[in-house]
Amino acid sequence: MQDKFFQFNRRKKQQFMKNDRSLKQSIDNRIKGLCDKINKNKNYYTTSSCSGRVLLFRNIKEKRDDVIIYSWHNAVKLKELNNVLRKIKTKELIYFKQDPCILHVACRNLEDSQKLHDVAKETGWKRCGVIASGKRFVVELNGTERLEFPIIYYGKMLVDDNFLKIAVKEANKKLKESWNRIDKLEKAI
C-alpha cells in the first residue's frame, strides 16, 4: 500500500516538471482555477486540459503541426474570423470546429476516481468516465457541446455571411456552456 502511495506522488511530481506539449503552450485561463484546485489536493492531479476552443483546420489525416490554421480559446468575433478566412488561400478542404472542454485527472485510487466522477456527474458533465490501467486511475471529463462543418473548399467559401453569423453565435454559446460547467465543478470540489 505504501508503495502505491509513493508511486502516485512520484508521478504527480513528474507531471508538474513536464513541458506543456499543447499547441497553445499554456493552460487556458478559463480552466486554470479548476486545475489549480484539483492539483492542490493530495489525491489528484491534472494530466491535460482544454476549456474549449474554436478552430479552423485542414482536412489532413496524419497528425502534423500545420493542421490547425487558427485557434481561439475565447469567444470568437465574426470580424476576426472573417479576417482569418480571407487570408486562407489553399485548395484543401478547411473546417470550422468548436470543441468542448476536456479534462483528464489522475487519481490516487479507484475510490478517489469514483468521488470525482460522481461530483462531475452532479455538476452536469454528461460524458465522464474512469479509465483504469494497471494501478493508474484517470477520470476523463468531456463536454458534449460541439459544432463542425466544412467552410472553405478550393479557396471558396462554402457558407454565406448569414450562416457564418449564426455559426459564430452558436459556437460562442456552446463555449459559454462549457465554461459554466467548469465553474460549477470548481465550486463543487
N, C-alpha and C. Protein backbone atom coordinates (compact mmCIF):
# COMPACT_ATOMS: atom_id res chain seq x y z
N MET A 1 0.83 -1.20 0.00
CA MET A 1 0.00 0.00 0.00
C MET A 1 0.87 1.26 0.00
N GLN A 2 1.93 1.22 0.82
CA GLN A 2 2.84 2.34 0.91
C GLN A 2 3.49 2.61 -0.45
N ASP A 3 3.80 1.54 -1.18
CA ASP A 3 4.43 1.65 -2.50
C ASP A 3 3.53 2.41 -3.48
N LYS A 4 2.23 2.10 -3.48
CA LYS A 4 1.27 2.80 -4.35
C LYS A 4 1.24 4.28 -4.03
N PHE A 5 1.28 4.60 -2.73
CA PHE A 5 1.25 5.99 -2.27
C PHE A 5 2.44 6.75 -2.85
N PHE A 6 3.63 6.18 -2.75
CA PHE A 6 4.84 6.84 -3.25
C PHE A 6 4.86 6.90 -4.78
N GLN A 7 4.36 5.87 -5.45
CA GLN A 7 4.31 5.89 -6.91
C GLN A 7 3.41 7.03 -7.41
N PHE A 8 2.26 7.19 -6.78
CA PHE A 8 1.34 8.26 -7.18
C PHE A 8 2.01 9.61 -6.96
N ASN A 9 2.62 9.81 -5.80
CA ASN A 9 3.28 11.09 -5.50
C ASN A 9 4.41 11.36 -6.49
N ARG A 10 5.16 10.32 -6.86
CA ARG A 10 6.25 10.47 -7.83
C ARG A 10 5.70 10.89 -9.19
N ARG A 11 4.62 10.22 -9.64
CA ARG A 11 4.01 10.57 -10.94
C ARG A 11 3.47 11.99 -10.92
N LYS A 12 2.87 12.39 -9.81
CA LYS A 12 2.33 13.74 -9.69
C LYS A 12 3.46 14.77 -9.80
N LYS A 13 4.54 14.53 -9.10
CA LYS A 13 5.69 15.44 -9.14
C LYS A 13 6.25 15.50 -10.57
N GLN A 14 6.38 14.36 -11.22
CA GLN A 14 6.90 14.31 -12.59
C GLN A 14 5.98 15.06 -13.56
N GLN A 15 4.68 14.96 -13.35
CA GLN A 15 3.72 15.64 -14.23
C GLN A 15 3.96 17.15 -14.21
N PHE A 16 4.23 17.69 -13.03
CA PHE A 16 4.42 19.14 -12.92
C PHE A 16 5.77 19.61 -13.43
N MET A 17 6.69 18.68 -13.65
CA MET A 17 8.00 19.05 -14.20
C MET A 17 8.02 18.97 -15.72
N LYS A 18 7.00 18.37 -16.33
CA LYS A 18 6.94 18.22 -17.79
C LYS A 18 6.69 19.56 -18.47
N ASN A 19 7.19 19.68 -19.68
CA ASN A 19 6.88 20.84 -20.50
C ASN A 19 5.47 20.70 -21.06
N ASP A 20 4.80 21.81 -21.24
CA ASP A 20 3.46 21.82 -21.82
C ASP A 20 3.59 21.46 -23.30
N ARG A 21 2.95 20.36 -23.70
CA ARG A 21 3.06 19.88 -25.09
C ARG A 21 1.90 20.36 -25.98
N SER A 22 1.00 21.15 -25.43
CA SER A 22 -0.12 21.61 -26.23
C SER A 22 0.35 22.63 -27.26
N LEU A 23 -0.44 22.80 -28.31
CA LEU A 23 -0.09 23.80 -29.34
C LEU A 23 -0.06 25.20 -28.74
N LYS A 24 -0.94 25.44 -27.79
CA LYS A 24 -1.02 26.76 -27.16
C LYS A 24 0.18 27.01 -26.25
N GLN A 25 0.77 25.94 -25.72
CA GLN A 25 1.92 26.01 -24.81
C GLN A 25 1.62 26.65 -23.46
N SER A 26 0.34 26.68 -23.08
CA SER A 26 -0.04 27.20 -21.76
C SER A 26 -1.44 26.72 -21.42
N ILE A 27 -1.77 26.82 -20.15
CA ILE A 27 -3.09 26.41 -19.70
C ILE A 27 -4.10 27.51 -20.01
N ASP A 28 -5.32 27.13 -20.37
CA ASP A 28 -6.38 28.10 -20.63
C ASP A 28 -6.78 28.78 -19.33
N ASN A 29 -6.91 30.10 -19.36
CA ASN A 29 -7.31 30.84 -18.15
C ASN A 29 -8.65 30.38 -17.61
N ARG A 30 -9.56 30.00 -18.49
CA ARG A 30 -10.91 29.61 -18.08
C ARG A 30 -10.94 28.31 -17.28
N ILE A 31 -9.91 27.50 -17.37
CA ILE A 31 -9.89 26.22 -16.65
C ILE A 31 -8.76 26.19 -15.61
N LYS A 32 -7.96 27.24 -15.55
CA LYS A 32 -6.81 27.28 -14.64
C LYS A 32 -7.23 27.15 -13.18
N GLY A 33 -8.27 27.86 -12.77
CA GLY A 33 -8.73 27.80 -11.37
C GLY A 33 -9.12 26.39 -10.97
N LEU A 34 -9.85 25.70 -11.85
CA LEU A 34 -10.26 24.32 -11.58
C LEU A 34 -9.03 23.41 -11.49
N CYS A 35 -8.12 23.54 -12.43
CA CYS A 35 -6.90 22.71 -12.42
C CYS A 35 -6.07 22.97 -11.16
N ASP A 36 -5.93 24.24 -10.79
CA ASP A 36 -5.17 24.57 -9.58
C ASP A 36 -5.80 23.94 -8.35
N LYS A 37 -7.12 24.00 -8.27
CA LYS A 37 -7.83 23.43 -7.12
C LYS A 37 -7.64 21.91 -7.07
N ILE A 38 -7.76 21.26 -8.21
CA ILE A 38 -7.55 19.81 -8.29
C ILE A 38 -6.12 19.46 -7.90
N ASN A 39 -5.16 20.20 -8.44
CA ASN A 39 -3.75 19.88 -8.21
C ASN A 39 -3.29 20.13 -6.78
N LYS A 40 -4.02 20.95 -6.04
CA LYS A 40 -3.69 21.18 -4.62
C LYS A 40 -4.13 20.01 -3.74
N ASN A 41 -5.01 19.18 -4.26
CA ASN A 41 -5.50 18.03 -3.50
C ASN A 41 -4.48 16.89 -3.61
N LYS A 42 -4.12 16.30 -2.48
CA LYS A 42 -3.09 15.25 -2.48
C LYS A 42 -3.49 14.00 -3.26
N ASN A 43 -4.79 13.83 -3.56
CA ASN A 43 -5.27 12.62 -4.22
C ASN A 43 -5.49 12.76 -5.72
N TYR A 44 -5.18 13.95 -6.28
CA TYR A 44 -5.47 14.19 -7.70
C TYR A 44 -4.38 15.05 -8.33
N TYR A 45 -4.28 14.93 -9.65
CA TYR A 45 -3.53 15.91 -10.44
C TYR A 45 -4.02 15.85 -11.89
N THR A 46 -3.99 16.99 -12.55
CA THR A 46 -4.45 17.05 -13.94
C THR A 46 -3.31 16.63 -14.87
N THR A 47 -3.68 15.90 -15.91
CA THR A 47 -2.67 15.49 -16.90
C THR A 47 -2.86 16.23 -18.22
N SER A 48 -4.07 16.69 -18.50
CA SER A 48 -4.32 17.51 -19.69
C SER A 48 -5.65 18.23 -19.51
N SER A 49 -5.75 19.40 -20.17
CA SER A 49 -6.98 20.18 -20.05
C SER A 49 -7.12 21.14 -21.22
N CYS A 50 -8.37 21.44 -21.54
CA CYS A 50 -8.71 22.49 -22.51
C CYS A 50 -10.09 22.98 -22.13
N SER A 51 -10.26 24.28 -22.05
CA SER A 51 -11.54 24.85 -21.63
C SER A 51 -12.56 24.89 -22.77
N GLY A 52 -12.14 24.47 -23.94
CA GLY A 52 -12.98 24.56 -25.13
C GLY A 52 -12.34 25.53 -26.10
N ARG A 53 -12.60 25.35 -27.37
CA ARG A 53 -11.97 26.21 -28.37
C ARG A 53 -12.76 26.19 -29.66
N VAL A 54 -12.46 27.17 -30.49
CA VAL A 54 -12.96 27.23 -31.87
C VAL A 54 -11.71 27.23 -32.74
N LEU A 55 -11.75 26.45 -33.82
CA LEU A 55 -10.57 26.41 -34.68
C LEU A 55 -10.95 26.24 -36.14
N LEU A 56 -10.02 26.61 -36.97
CA LEU A 56 -10.06 26.34 -38.40
C LEU A 56 -8.93 25.35 -38.65
N PHE A 57 -9.24 24.27 -39.37
CA PHE A 57 -8.19 23.28 -39.60
C PHE A 57 -8.29 22.65 -40.98
N ARG A 58 -7.13 22.17 -41.43
CA ARG A 58 -7.03 21.47 -42.71
C ARG A 58 -7.55 20.05 -42.53
N ASN A 59 -8.18 19.53 -43.54
CA ASN A 59 -8.68 18.15 -43.50
C ASN A 59 -7.56 17.21 -43.93
N ILE A 60 -6.63 16.98 -43.00
CA ILE A 60 -5.48 16.12 -43.26
C ILE A 60 -5.53 14.97 -42.26
N LYS A 61 -5.32 13.77 -42.74
CA LYS A 61 -5.44 12.58 -41.88
C LYS A 61 -4.29 12.44 -40.89
N GLU A 62 -3.05 12.66 -41.35
CA GLU A 62 -1.92 12.46 -40.45
C GLU A 62 -1.79 13.63 -39.46
N LYS A 63 -1.24 13.35 -38.29
CA LYS A 63 -1.08 14.35 -37.25
C LYS A 63 0.15 15.19 -37.56
N ARG A 64 -0.08 16.48 -37.83
CA ARG A 64 1.02 17.40 -38.13
C ARG A 64 0.76 18.71 -37.41
N ASP A 65 1.84 19.48 -37.22
CA ASP A 65 1.70 20.77 -36.54
C ASP A 65 0.92 21.79 -37.36
N ASP A 66 0.91 21.65 -38.69
CA ASP A 66 0.27 22.66 -39.52
C ASP A 66 -1.19 22.35 -39.85
N VAL A 67 -1.79 21.38 -39.19
CA VAL A 67 -3.20 21.04 -39.45
C VAL A 67 -4.11 22.17 -38.98
N ILE A 68 -3.82 22.71 -37.81
CA ILE A 68 -4.63 23.81 -37.28
C ILE A 68 -4.14 25.12 -37.88
N ILE A 69 -5.06 25.82 -38.51
CA ILE A 69 -4.74 27.10 -39.14
C ILE A 69 -4.83 28.22 -38.12
N TYR A 70 -5.90 28.20 -37.34
CA TYR A 70 -6.11 29.24 -36.33
C TYR A 70 -6.97 28.67 -35.22
N SER A 71 -6.72 29.13 -33.99
CA SER A 71 -7.45 28.62 -32.84
C SER A 71 -7.77 29.75 -31.88
N TRP A 72 -8.99 29.74 -31.36
CA TRP A 72 -9.43 30.69 -30.35
C TRP A 72 -9.83 29.92 -29.09
N HIS A 73 -9.41 30.39 -27.93
CA HIS A 73 -9.84 29.80 -26.67
C HIS A 73 -10.77 30.75 -25.91
N ASN A 74 -11.20 31.79 -26.59
CA ASN A 74 -12.18 32.74 -26.07
C ASN A 74 -13.32 32.84 -27.08
N ALA A 75 -14.33 33.61 -26.73
CA ALA A 75 -15.43 33.83 -27.66
C ALA A 75 -14.87 34.41 -28.97
N VAL A 76 -15.43 33.96 -30.07
CA VAL A 76 -14.96 34.38 -31.40
C VAL A 76 -15.74 35.60 -31.85
N LYS A 77 -15.02 36.54 -32.44
CA LYS A 77 -15.67 37.71 -33.03
C LYS A 77 -15.79 37.45 -34.53
N LEU A 78 -16.96 37.71 -35.09
CA LEU A 78 -17.21 37.47 -36.51
C LEU A 78 -16.19 38.19 -37.39
N LYS A 79 -15.88 39.43 -37.05
CA LYS A 79 -14.93 40.21 -37.84
C LYS A 79 -13.54 39.55 -37.84
N GLU A 80 -13.12 39.08 -36.68
CA GLU A 80 -11.82 38.41 -36.57
C GLU A 80 -11.79 37.12 -37.38
N LEU A 81 -12.87 36.35 -37.30
CA LEU A 81 -12.98 35.12 -38.09
C LEU A 81 -12.90 35.42 -39.58
N ASN A 82 -13.65 36.42 -40.03
CA ASN A 82 -13.64 36.80 -41.45
C ASN A 82 -12.25 37.22 -41.90
N ASN A 83 -11.52 37.95 -41.05
CA ASN A 83 -10.15 38.36 -41.39
C ASN A 83 -9.25 37.15 -41.61
N VAL A 84 -9.37 36.15 -40.75
CA VAL A 84 -8.57 34.93 -40.90
C VAL A 84 -8.99 34.17 -42.15
N LEU A 85 -10.30 34.05 -42.38
CA LEU A 85 -10.81 33.31 -43.54
C LEU A 85 -10.34 33.92 -44.86
N ARG A 86 -10.30 35.25 -44.92
CA ARG A 86 -9.87 35.93 -46.15
C ARG A 86 -8.42 35.62 -46.51
N LYS A 87 -7.62 35.31 -45.51
CA LYS A 87 -6.19 35.05 -45.74
C LYS A 87 -5.91 33.62 -46.18
N ILE A 88 -6.89 32.75 -46.10
CA ILE A 88 -6.68 31.34 -46.44
C ILE A 88 -6.75 31.16 -47.96
N LYS A 89 -5.64 30.77 -48.54
CA LYS A 89 -5.55 30.57 -49.99
C LYS A 89 -5.03 29.15 -50.24
N THR A 90 -5.89 28.19 -50.13
CA THR A 90 -5.47 26.80 -50.30
C THR A 90 -6.54 26.03 -51.06
N LYS A 91 -6.14 24.95 -51.68
CA LYS A 91 -7.11 24.10 -52.37
C LYS A 91 -7.61 22.98 -51.47
N GLU A 92 -7.09 22.94 -50.26
CA GLU A 92 -7.52 21.91 -49.30
C GLU A 92 -8.90 22.24 -48.74
N LEU A 93 -9.54 21.22 -48.23
CA LEU A 93 -10.82 21.40 -47.54
C LEU A 93 -10.52 21.90 -46.13
N ILE A 94 -11.14 23.03 -45.77
CA ILE A 94 -10.93 23.65 -44.46
C ILE A 94 -12.22 23.53 -43.65
N TYR A 95 -12.06 23.18 -42.38
CA TYR A 95 -13.21 23.02 -41.48
C TYR A 95 -13.22 24.09 -40.40
N PHE A 96 -14.42 24.45 -39.98
CA PHE A 96 -14.68 25.26 -38.79
C PHE A 96 -15.12 24.27 -37.72
N LYS A 97 -14.54 24.39 -36.54
CA LYS A 97 -14.88 23.43 -35.48
C LYS A 97 -14.90 24.11 -34.13
N GLN A 98 -15.90 23.78 -33.35
CA GLN A 98 -15.95 24.20 -31.94
C GLN A 98 -15.83 22.93 -31.11
N ASP A 99 -14.79 22.87 -30.29
CA ASP A 99 -14.55 21.73 -29.40
C ASP A 99 -14.99 22.08 -27.99
N PRO A 100 -15.54 21.10 -27.26
CA PRO A 100 -15.92 21.34 -25.87
C PRO A 100 -14.71 21.22 -24.94
N CYS A 101 -14.96 21.48 -23.69
CA CYS A 101 -13.96 21.29 -22.65
C CYS A 101 -13.58 19.82 -22.55
N ILE A 102 -12.32 19.56 -22.23
CA ILE A 102 -11.86 18.21 -21.92
C ILE A 102 -10.86 18.31 -20.78
N LEU A 103 -10.93 17.35 -19.87
CA LEU A 103 -10.06 17.35 -18.70
C LEU A 103 -9.73 15.92 -18.32
N HIS A 104 -8.46 15.65 -18.07
CA HIS A 104 -8.00 14.34 -17.58
C HIS A 104 -7.38 14.55 -16.20
N VAL A 105 -7.85 13.76 -15.25
CA VAL A 105 -7.37 13.88 -13.87
C VAL A 105 -6.90 12.51 -13.38
N ALA A 106 -5.63 12.42 -13.00
CA ALA A 106 -5.09 11.20 -12.40
C ALA A 106 -5.53 11.17 -10.93
N CYS A 107 -5.95 10.00 -10.49
CA CYS A 107 -6.47 9.84 -9.13
C CYS A 107 -5.64 8.81 -8.37
N ARG A 108 -5.51 9.03 -7.08
CA ARG A 108 -4.69 8.15 -6.25
C ARG A 108 -5.18 6.70 -6.28
N ASN A 109 -6.51 6.52 -6.25
CA ASN A 109 -7.06 5.16 -6.22
C ASN A 109 -8.46 5.16 -6.83
N LEU A 110 -9.05 3.99 -6.91
CA LEU A 110 -10.37 3.86 -7.52
C LEU A 110 -11.43 4.63 -6.75
N GLU A 111 -11.34 4.61 -5.44
CA GLU A 111 -12.31 5.34 -4.61
C GLU A 111 -12.27 6.84 -4.89
N ASP A 112 -11.07 7.41 -5.00
CA ASP A 112 -10.93 8.83 -5.31
C ASP A 112 -11.45 9.14 -6.71
N SER A 113 -11.20 8.25 -7.65
CA SER A 113 -11.69 8.48 -9.01
C SER A 113 -13.22 8.44 -9.04
N GLN A 114 -13.81 7.56 -8.27
CA GLN A 114 -15.28 7.47 -8.22
C GLN A 114 -15.87 8.73 -7.59
N LYS A 115 -15.21 9.28 -6.57
CA LYS A 115 -15.68 10.52 -5.93
C LYS A 115 -15.70 11.66 -6.95
N LEU A 116 -14.60 11.81 -7.68
CA LEU A 116 -14.52 12.89 -8.68
C LEU A 116 -15.55 12.67 -9.79
N HIS A 117 -15.67 11.45 -10.24
CA HIS A 117 -16.66 11.11 -11.27
C HIS A 117 -18.06 11.50 -10.82
N ASP A 118 -18.42 11.17 -9.58
CA ASP A 118 -19.75 11.47 -9.07
C ASP A 118 -20.01 12.97 -8.97
N VAL A 119 -19.02 13.72 -8.51
CA VAL A 119 -19.16 15.18 -8.42
C VAL A 119 -19.32 15.77 -9.83
N ALA A 120 -18.56 15.26 -10.78
CA ALA A 120 -18.66 15.74 -12.16
C ALA A 120 -20.07 15.48 -12.71
N LYS A 121 -20.59 14.30 -12.49
CA LYS A 121 -21.95 13.97 -12.95
C LYS A 121 -22.98 14.92 -12.33
N GLU A 122 -22.83 15.18 -11.03
CA GLU A 122 -23.76 16.06 -10.31
C GLU A 122 -23.71 17.49 -10.82
N THR A 123 -22.59 17.91 -11.38
CA THR A 123 -22.45 19.28 -11.88
C THR A 123 -22.67 19.38 -13.39
N GLY A 124 -23.23 18.33 -13.99
CA GLY A 124 -23.67 18.44 -15.38
C GLY A 124 -22.77 17.86 -16.44
N TRP A 125 -21.70 17.18 -16.07
CA TRP A 125 -20.82 16.55 -17.06
C TRP A 125 -21.47 15.25 -17.51
N LYS A 126 -21.98 15.24 -18.73
CA LYS A 126 -22.67 14.05 -19.24
C LYS A 126 -21.70 12.97 -19.69
N ARG A 127 -20.58 13.39 -20.25
CA ARG A 127 -19.59 12.41 -20.73
C ARG A 127 -18.40 12.40 -19.80
N CYS A 128 -18.45 11.50 -18.85
CA CYS A 128 -17.30 11.33 -17.97
C CYS A 128 -17.16 9.86 -17.62
N GLY A 129 -15.93 9.47 -17.41
CA GLY A 129 -15.69 8.07 -17.10
C GLY A 129 -14.35 7.88 -16.42
N VAL A 130 -14.17 6.70 -15.88
CA VAL A 130 -12.92 6.33 -15.22
C VAL A 130 -12.16 5.37 -16.12
N ILE A 131 -10.92 5.71 -16.39
CA ILE A 131 -10.04 4.84 -17.16
C ILE A 131 -9.09 4.19 -16.15
N ALA A 132 -9.17 2.88 -16.06
CA ALA A 132 -8.30 2.14 -15.14
C ALA A 132 -7.32 1.32 -15.95
N SER A 133 -6.04 1.53 -15.69
CA SER A 133 -5.00 0.80 -16.40
C SER A 133 -3.93 0.40 -15.40
N GLY A 134 -3.86 -0.86 -15.12
CA GLY A 134 -2.89 -1.31 -14.12
C GLY A 134 -3.23 -0.72 -12.77
N LYS A 135 -2.30 0.06 -12.25
CA LYS A 135 -2.51 0.70 -10.94
C LYS A 135 -2.85 2.17 -11.08
N ARG A 136 -3.15 2.60 -12.29
CA ARG A 136 -3.47 4.01 -12.53
C ARG A 136 -4.96 4.18 -12.78
N PHE A 137 -5.47 5.30 -12.27
CA PHE A 137 -6.87 5.63 -12.44
C PHE A 137 -6.95 7.08 -12.94
N VAL A 138 -7.61 7.27 -14.07
CA VAL A 138 -7.76 8.61 -14.64
C VAL A 138 -9.23 8.85 -14.90
N VAL A 139 -9.71 10.02 -14.45
CA VAL A 139 -11.07 10.43 -14.77
C VAL A 139 -10.99 11.34 -15.99
N GLU A 140 -11.78 11.01 -17.00
CA GLU A 140 -11.84 11.82 -18.22
C GLU A 140 -13.19 12.51 -18.24
N LEU A 141 -13.15 13.84 -18.36
CA LEU A 141 -14.37 14.65 -18.44
C LEU A 141 -14.40 15.32 -19.81
N ASN A 142 -15.51 15.17 -20.51
CA ASN A 142 -15.70 15.77 -21.83
C ASN A 142 -17.00 16.53 -21.87
N GLY A 143 -16.95 17.74 -22.39
CA GLY A 143 -18.19 18.44 -22.67
C GLY A 143 -18.85 17.81 -23.88
N THR A 144 -20.12 18.06 -24.05
CA THR A 144 -20.84 17.48 -25.19
C THR A 144 -21.16 18.51 -26.26
N GLU A 145 -20.84 19.75 -26.00
CA GLU A 145 -21.17 20.82 -26.95
C GLU A 145 -20.13 20.86 -28.06
N ARG A 146 -20.56 20.58 -29.27
CA ARG A 146 -19.63 20.66 -30.39
C ARG A 146 -20.35 21.10 -31.67
N LEU A 147 -19.55 21.62 -32.57
CA LEU A 147 -20.05 22.11 -33.84
C LEU A 147 -18.92 21.95 -34.85
N GLU A 148 -19.22 21.39 -36.01
CA GLU A 148 -18.18 21.19 -37.02
C GLU A 148 -18.80 21.15 -38.40
N PHE A 149 -18.17 21.86 -39.34
CA PHE A 149 -18.64 21.84 -40.72
C PHE A 149 -17.53 22.32 -41.66
N PRO A 150 -17.56 21.87 -42.93
CA PRO A 150 -16.60 22.38 -43.91
C PRO A 150 -16.94 23.84 -44.22
N ILE A 151 -15.90 24.66 -44.38
CA ILE A 151 -16.15 26.09 -44.58
C ILE A 151 -15.50 26.64 -45.85
N ILE A 152 -14.37 26.06 -46.26
CA ILE A 152 -13.68 26.51 -47.48
C ILE A 152 -13.27 25.28 -48.29
N TYR A 153 -13.47 25.38 -49.59
CA TYR A 153 -13.03 24.31 -50.48
C TYR A 153 -12.50 24.94 -51.76
N TYR A 154 -11.29 24.57 -52.14
CA TYR A 154 -10.62 25.16 -53.30
C TYR A 154 -10.62 26.68 -53.24
N GLY A 155 -10.37 27.20 -52.05
CA GLY A 155 -10.26 28.64 -51.86
C GLY A 155 -11.57 29.39 -51.84
N LYS A 156 -12.69 28.70 -51.94
CA LYS A 156 -14.00 29.37 -51.97
C LYS A 156 -14.78 29.06 -50.70
N MET A 157 -15.42 30.11 -50.19
CA MET A 157 -16.28 29.96 -49.01
C MET A 157 -17.49 29.10 -49.38
N LEU A 158 -17.81 28.15 -48.54
CA LEU A 158 -18.96 27.26 -48.76
C LEU A 158 -20.22 27.78 -48.08
N VAL A 159 -20.07 28.79 -47.23
CA VAL A 159 -21.21 29.34 -46.49
C VAL A 159 -21.27 30.85 -46.70
N ASP A 160 -22.46 31.42 -46.52
CA ASP A 160 -22.60 32.87 -46.67
C ASP A 160 -22.46 33.55 -45.30
N ASP A 161 -22.49 34.89 -45.30
CA ASP A 161 -22.30 35.67 -44.07
C ASP A 161 -23.37 35.39 -43.03
N ASN A 162 -24.61 35.18 -43.47
CA ASN A 162 -25.69 34.90 -42.52
C ASN A 162 -25.44 33.58 -41.79
N PHE A 163 -25.03 32.57 -42.54
CA PHE A 163 -24.72 31.28 -41.92
C PHE A 163 -23.56 31.43 -40.94
N LEU A 164 -22.53 32.16 -41.35
CA LEU A 164 -21.35 32.35 -40.51
C LEU A 164 -21.71 33.08 -39.22
N LYS A 165 -22.57 34.07 -39.32
CA LYS A 165 -23.01 34.81 -38.14
C LYS A 165 -23.71 33.88 -37.14
N ILE A 166 -24.57 33.02 -37.65
CA ILE A 166 -25.28 32.05 -36.79
C ILE A 166 -24.29 31.04 -36.20
N ALA A 167 -23.35 30.57 -37.02
CA ALA A 167 -22.37 29.59 -36.55
C ALA A 167 -21.51 30.17 -35.43
N VAL A 168 -21.07 31.41 -35.57
CA VAL A 168 -20.26 32.06 -34.53
C VAL A 168 -21.08 32.21 -33.25
N LYS A 169 -22.33 32.63 -33.41
CA LYS A 169 -23.21 32.79 -32.23
C LYS A 169 -23.38 31.45 -31.51
N GLU A 170 -23.63 30.38 -32.26
CA GLU A 170 -23.82 29.05 -31.67
C GLU A 170 -22.53 28.53 -31.03
N ALA A 171 -21.40 28.73 -31.71
CA ALA A 171 -20.11 28.28 -31.17
C ALA A 171 -19.82 28.99 -29.85
N ASN A 172 -20.04 30.30 -29.81
CA ASN A 172 -19.81 31.06 -28.57
C ASN A 172 -20.75 30.62 -27.46
N LYS A 173 -22.00 30.33 -27.82
CA LYS A 173 -22.97 29.84 -26.83
C LYS A 173 -22.50 28.51 -26.24
N LYS A 174 -22.02 27.64 -27.09
CA LYS A 174 -21.54 26.32 -26.64
C LYS A 174 -20.28 26.46 -25.78
N LEU A 175 -19.39 27.38 -26.14
CA LEU A 175 -18.21 27.62 -25.31
C LEU A 175 -18.63 28.09 -23.92
N LYS A 176 -19.59 29.00 -23.86
CA LYS A 176 -20.05 29.51 -22.56
C LYS A 176 -20.68 28.41 -21.72
N GLU A 177 -21.37 27.48 -22.35
CA GLU A 177 -21.93 26.34 -21.62
C GLU A 177 -20.79 25.51 -21.01
N SER A 178 -19.73 25.30 -21.77
CA SER A 178 -18.55 24.57 -21.25
C SER A 178 -17.95 25.31 -20.06
N TRP A 179 -17.79 26.62 -20.20
CA TRP A 179 -17.17 27.41 -19.14
C TRP A 179 -18.03 27.41 -17.87
N ASN A 180 -19.34 27.46 -18.05
CA ASN A 180 -20.24 27.40 -16.88
C ASN A 180 -20.09 26.06 -16.16
N ARG A 181 -19.95 24.99 -16.90
CA ARG A 181 -19.78 23.67 -16.30
C ARG A 181 -18.44 23.58 -15.56
N ILE A 182 -17.41 24.18 -16.11
CA ILE A 182 -16.10 24.24 -15.44
C ILE A 182 -16.25 24.96 -14.10
N ASP A 183 -16.94 26.11 -14.11
CA ASP A 183 -17.14 26.89 -12.88
C ASP A 183 -17.93 26.11 -11.84
N LYS A 184 -18.96 25.39 -12.28
CA LYS A 184 -19.77 24.58 -11.36
C LYS A 184 -18.92 23.50 -10.69
N LEU A 185 -18.09 22.83 -11.48
CA LEU A 185 -17.25 21.77 -10.93
C LEU A 185 -16.22 22.35 -9.96
N GLU A 186 -15.65 23.50 -10.32
CA GLU A 186 -14.66 24.13 -9.43
C GLU A 186 -15.28 24.46 -8.07
N LYS A 187 -16.51 24.95 -8.08
CA LYS A 187 -17.19 25.28 -6.81
C LYS A 187 -17.55 24.04 -6.02
N ALA A 188 -17.81 22.93 -6.71
CA ALA A 188 -18.29 21.71 -6.05
C ALA A 188 -17.18 20.87 -5.42
N ILE A 189 -15.94 21.07 -5.88
CA ILE A 189 -14.86 20.22 -5.31
C ILE A 189 -14.06 20.97 -4.26
